[in-house]
Protein backbone atom coordinates (compact mmCIF):
# COMPACT_ATOMS: atom_id res chain seq x y z
CA LYS A 1 -52.89 8.55 -62.31
CA VAL A 2 -52.27 6.87 -58.86
CA VAL A 3 -54.26 3.80 -58.22
CA VAL A 4 -55.12 3.13 -54.56
CA GLY A 5 -55.73 -0.64 -53.53
CA GLU A 6 -54.77 -3.58 -51.45
CA ILE A 7 -51.37 -4.77 -52.61
CA GLY A 8 -51.86 -8.13 -51.15
CA SER A 9 -55.12 -8.98 -52.61
CA ALA A 10 -55.81 -10.41 -56.41
CA CYS A 11 -56.03 -7.78 -58.70
CA TRP A 12 -55.04 -5.27 -55.94
CA GLY A 13 -58.32 -5.50 -54.44
CA LEU A 14 -60.11 -4.27 -57.71
CA SER A 15 -62.90 -6.19 -59.40
CA GLU A 16 -61.87 -8.07 -62.60
CA GLU A 17 -63.92 -5.57 -64.42
CA ALA A 18 -62.28 -2.69 -62.72
CA PHE A 19 -58.64 -4.09 -63.23
CA ALA A 20 -59.52 -4.70 -67.10
CA ALA A 21 -60.71 -0.95 -67.51
CA LEU A 22 -57.47 0.07 -65.48
CA ALA A 23 -55.44 -1.87 -68.13
CA ALA A 24 -57.16 -0.16 -70.93
CA GLN A 25 -56.14 3.11 -69.55
CA THR A 26 -52.61 2.08 -68.65
CA SER A 27 -49.47 3.52 -70.55
CA ALA A 28 -46.83 2.72 -67.91
CA ILE A 29 -46.39 1.18 -64.51
CA ILE A 30 -44.42 2.39 -61.79
CA HIS A 31 -44.68 -0.40 -58.99
CA LEU A 32 -43.11 0.57 -55.65
CA ALA A 33 -45.46 -0.90 -53.28
CA GLY A 34 -44.35 -3.79 -50.76
CA LEU A 35 -44.50 -4.87 -47.24
CA VAL A 36 -41.37 -5.11 -44.91
CA HIS A 37 -41.73 -6.56 -41.36
CA LEU A 38 -38.59 -7.66 -40.06
CA GLY A 39 -40.22 -9.68 -37.14
CA LYS A 40 -42.35 -11.75 -39.64
CA GLY A 41 -41.46 -14.54 -42.19
CA TYR A 42 -41.92 -15.04 -45.72
CA SER A 43 -45.33 -16.19 -45.61
CA VAL A 44 -46.43 -12.87 -44.27
CA HIS A 45 -44.95 -10.80 -47.09
CA GLU A 46 -45.62 -13.27 -49.90
CA ALA A 47 -49.06 -12.07 -50.90
CA ALA A 48 -47.95 -8.48 -51.05
CA ASN A 49 -44.46 -8.60 -52.26
CA VAL A 50 -44.86 -11.61 -54.76
CA GLY A 51 -48.57 -11.47 -55.64
CA GLY A 52 -48.60 -7.71 -55.83
CA THR A 53 -45.66 -7.69 -58.26
CA LEU A 54 -47.29 -10.37 -60.36
CA ALA A 55 -50.56 -8.42 -60.53
CA ALA A 56 -48.37 -5.44 -61.87
CA LEU A 57 -46.85 -7.67 -64.63
CA ARG A 58 -50.28 -8.91 -65.38
CA LEU A 59 -51.55 -5.39 -65.76
CA ALA A 60 -48.51 -4.62 -67.91
CA PHE A 61 -49.45 -7.61 -70.18
CA GLU A 62 -53.16 -6.95 -70.41
CA ALA A 63 -52.27 -3.29 -71.17
CA GLY A 64 -50.30 -4.38 -74.27
CA GLY A 65 -46.74 -4.66 -72.64
CA VAL A 66 -46.50 -1.27 -71.35
CA ARG A 67 -43.11 -0.04 -69.97
CA THR A 68 -42.91 -1.19 -66.17
CA VAL A 69 -40.60 0.22 -63.71
CA TYR A 70 -40.08 -1.95 -60.43
CA ALA A 71 -38.05 -1.01 -57.48
CA SER A 72 -37.30 -2.86 -54.33
CA THR A 73 -35.18 -2.57 -51.32
CA THR A 74 -31.85 -4.25 -51.06
CA ASP A 75 -31.52 -3.73 -47.52
CA VAL A 76 -34.30 -4.98 -45.47
CA LEU A 77 -32.47 -7.76 -43.27
CA PRO A 78 -30.80 -6.16 -40.25
CA SER A 79 -27.15 -6.27 -40.30
CA PRO A 80 -25.20 -7.13 -36.90
CA THR A 81 -23.04 -4.29 -37.50
CA VAL A 82 -25.80 -1.90 -37.59
CA MET A 83 -28.29 -3.43 -35.33
CA PRO A 84 -26.46 -5.91 -33.09
CA GLU A 85 -29.70 -6.56 -30.92
CA ALA A 86 -31.72 -7.26 -34.05
CA HIS A 87 -33.43 -10.66 -34.11
CA VAL A 88 -34.50 -12.15 -37.30
CA PRO A 89 -36.90 -15.24 -36.97
CA SER A 90 -36.04 -18.25 -38.68
CA ASP A 91 -37.09 -18.27 -42.46
CA PRO A 92 -36.07 -20.83 -45.13
CA LEU A 93 -35.09 -17.90 -47.29
CA LEU A 94 -32.70 -16.31 -44.77
CA PRO A 95 -29.70 -18.60 -45.13
CA ARG A 96 -29.61 -17.30 -48.87
CA ALA A 97 -29.00 -13.63 -47.68
CA LEU A 98 -25.31 -12.70 -47.65
CA PRO A 99 -23.84 -9.74 -45.57
CA LEU A 100 -22.71 -6.97 -47.63
CA PRO A 101 -19.67 -4.76 -46.49
CA GLY A 102 -21.07 -1.88 -44.22
CA GLY A 103 -24.30 -3.59 -43.46
CA GLY A 104 -27.28 -5.01 -45.38
CA ALA A 105 -27.59 -8.03 -47.14
CA ARG A 106 -27.87 -9.42 -50.98
CA GLU A 107 -29.36 -12.67 -52.28
CA GLY A 108 -26.76 -15.17 -52.73
CA GLY A 109 -26.39 -18.98 -53.48
């Protein structure tokens, strides 16, 4: 069953009752939703990407610890090699991104 909701809202926009009913019917979760906007900072992405993932984990817990599959992109920051004209606004998390050979970025220290 595919559940349609608002990834950036608490309980994905479902009421607490609807979220609990969904948990009672859930045997597995595949969480692939997220928000990517290269022109915006972390604060724009937090509700959908962090809050949405926390809601998926809460659902898994309330469903009795069901199997949960989560996938995210590893290449959301423009690479100067691939997109030399790209401008990424300053964001406190960006200095942690390290370039990968051939483009892209990964989280680093």
